[in-house]
Protein backbone atom coordinates (compact mmCIF):
# COMPACT_ATOMS: atom_id res chain seq x y z
CA MET A 1 -31.19 11.34 -15.91
CA PRO A 2 -29.23 8.27 -17.07
CA ARG A 3 -26.42 6.98 -14.91
CA VAL A 4 -22.96 7.34 -16.33
CA ARG A 5 -20.81 4.26 -15.97
CA ARG A 6 -17.19 4.95 -15.39
CA LYS A 7 -14.69 2.67 -16.96
CA ARG A 8 -12.23 1.23 -14.46
CA VAL A 9 -8.70 1.81 -15.56
CA ARG A 10 -6.34 -1.06 -14.89
CA VAL A 11 -3.17 0.14 -13.23
CA LYS A 12 0.10 -1.28 -14.52
CA GLN A 13 2.09 -3.49 -12.16
CA THR A 14 5.09 -1.14 -12.30
CA THR A 15 2.84 1.76 -11.31
CA LYS A 16 1.57 -0.25 -8.34
CA LEU A 17 5.14 -1.00 -7.29
CA MET A 18 6.12 2.64 -7.58
CA ARG A 19 3.14 3.76 -5.53
CA ARG A 20 3.84 1.18 -2.84
CA ALA A 21 7.53 2.07 -2.61
CA MET A 22 6.81 5.78 -2.38
CA SER A 23 3.98 5.19 0.10
CA VAL A 24 6.23 3.26 2.46
CA ALA A 25 9.04 5.79 2.11
CA VAL A 26 6.78 8.82 2.75
CA VAL A 27 5.22 7.17 5.80
CA VAL A 28 8.64 6.20 7.18
CA LEU A 29 9.96 9.73 6.61
CA ARG A 30 7.02 11.27 8.46
CA GLU A 31 7.35 8.74 11.31
CA ARG A 32 11.07 9.41 11.69
CA MET A 33 10.61 13.17 11.60
CA ARG A 34 7.42 13.04 13.71
CA TRP A 35 5.79 15.36 11.19
CA SER A 36 2.17 15.69 10.18
CA GLN A 37 1.15 15.66 6.54
CA ILE A 38 0.69 19.42 6.77
CA ARG A 39 4.24 19.90 8.08
CA LEU A 40 5.71 17.72 5.32
CA ALA A 41 3.74 19.69 2.71
CA ALA A 42 5.08 22.97 4.16
CA GLU A 43 8.66 21.67 4.09
CA MET A 44 8.25 20.47 0.50
CA ASN A 45 6.93 23.89 -0.53
CA LYS A 46 10.27 25.37 0.53
CA TRP A 47 11.99 23.18 -2.08
CA VAL A 48 9.40 22.98 -4.85
CA ALA A 49 7.73 26.41 -4.94
CA PRO A 50 10.88 28.50 -5.62
CA LYS A 51 11.55 26.37 -8.70
CA GLY A 52 8.10 27.08 -10.10
CA GLY A 53 6.61 23.76 -9.01
CA GLU A 54 3.06 23.23 -7.87
CA MET A 55 2.35 24.06 -4.23
CA MET A 56 1.93 21.04 -1.98
CA ARG A 57 -1.12 20.38 0.17
CA ARG A 58 -1.83 17.75 2.78
CA CYS A 59 -4.31 15.93 0.55
CA ARG A 60 -1.60 15.15 -2.01
CA ILE A 61 0.61 13.54 0.63
CA SER A 62 -2.42 11.59 1.83
CA ARG A 63 -2.94 10.28 -1.73
CA TRP A 64 0.71 9.16 -1.86
CA GLU A 65 0.40 7.36 1.47
CA ARG A 66 -2.83 5.62 0.41
CA ARG A 67 -1.16 4.54 -2.88
CA LEU A 68 -3.62 6.47 -5.03
CA ALA A 69 -0.79 8.41 -6.63
CA ALA A 70 2.99 8.65 -6.57
CA PRO A 71 5.15 11.75 -6.25
CA SER A 72 6.27 13.38 -9.48
CA PRO A 73 10.01 13.42 -10.22
CA THR A 74 10.19 17.00 -8.88
CA HIS A 75 8.46 16.01 -5.67
CA ARG A 76 10.63 12.90 -5.30
CA MET A 77 13.75 15.06 -5.58
CA ALA A 78 12.37 17.43 -2.90
CA LEU A 79 11.59 14.47 -0.63
CA GLY A 80 15.12 13.17 -1.22
CA LYS A 81 16.68 16.51 -0.32
CA ILE A 82 14.57 16.80 2.83
CA SER A 83 15.51 13.25 3.85
CA VAL A 84 19.23 13.79 3.38
CA LYS A 85 19.14 17.20 5.07
CA HIS A 86 17.75 15.55 8.20
CA GLY A 87 20.19 12.63 8.14
CA HIS A 88 18.05 9.96 6.47
CA GLU A 89 20.27 9.04 3.51
CA ASP A 90 18.54 5.66 3.08
CA LEU A 91 15.23 7.40 2.36
CA GLY A 92 16.96 9.96 0.13
CA ALA A 93 18.25 7.08 -2.00
CA ILE A 94 14.72 5.67 -2.35
CA PHE A 95 13.22 8.99 -3.41
CA ARG A 96 15.95 9.62 -5.97
CA ALA A 97 16.02 6.05 -7.34
CA MET A 98 14.29 4.74 -10.42
CA PRO A 99 10.90 3.11 -9.68
CA ALA A 100 12.03 -0.54 -9.74
CA LEU A 101 15.08 0.18 -7.59
CA ALA A 102 12.98 2.26 -5.22
CA TRP A 103 10.73 -0.74 -4.58
CA THR A 104 13.71 -2.96 -3.74
CA LEU A 105 15.15 -0.33 -1.40
CA ALA A 106 11.78 0.24 0.29
CA LEU A 107 11.41 -3.50 0.93
CA ALA A 108 14.84 -3.62 2.53
CA LEU A 109 14.08 -0.51 4.57
CA HIS A 110 10.76 -1.60 5.98
CA GLY A 111 10.86 -5.35 6.48
CA ASN A 112 9.28 -6.50 3.22
CA GLY A 113 6.45 -3.97 3.42
CA LYS A 114 4.36 -6.10 5.77
CA LYS A 115 3.62 -3.20 8.12
CA HIS A 116 1.87 -1.19 5.41
CA GLY A 117 -0.45 -3.81 3.97
CA GLY A 118 1.88 -5.89 1.82
CA ASN A 119 2.55 -9.58 2.14
CA GLY A 120 6.23 -9.13 1.44
CA ASN A 121 6.42 -10.32 -2.17
CA GLY A 122 4.97 -7.29 -3.96
CA ASP A 123 1.38 -8.57 -4.01
CA THR A 124 -1.40 -6.87 -2.13
């Protein structure tokens, strides 16, 4: 059976920035709340599921944190509402912001992103 070669898809720079900003924000939210990925998924289901959104699972949050994906606008709004509800308005602003603004806010929030694998200037 012949091997199938998969074509590597180049990710746009703005997509990388969005993923990094959301990754940092999700990790910070979980650290502040002392929640597991499962707990965050359960809390998000309270906001997303009644509106007909897709049910959250731990693996999706893991993908966000590892920068393999970014939350959809619906999920970002749920994350923002959860953040504000628990007194983290700075994170709520990041989740509700446009992608480029979210990156700037995440850098300010988390010391230039150095803790989560960045070198502080947006490069990996």
